[in-house]
């Protein structure tokens, strides 16, 4: 699995844990649901600023997020 796919999977897992739709996440973080869906699918490579904004919506820091990444 490539890095974009791994990042996307962790983001999807976080969203699923909260029971949020892409629309709900988009409202929380102020981003388009289509963009967020593409990031989750590994089709888009988020900037570090975008990723930080998304993970902050889950109440996490980037350090905490990357600690969830598979080895």
Foldseek 3Di string as FASTA:
>chain_A
DDPLQQLLCLLVVLCVVVPHQLVRLCVLLVHDSVVNNCSNRSNDDDDPVSSQSSVVSSVDGVVVSVVPGDD
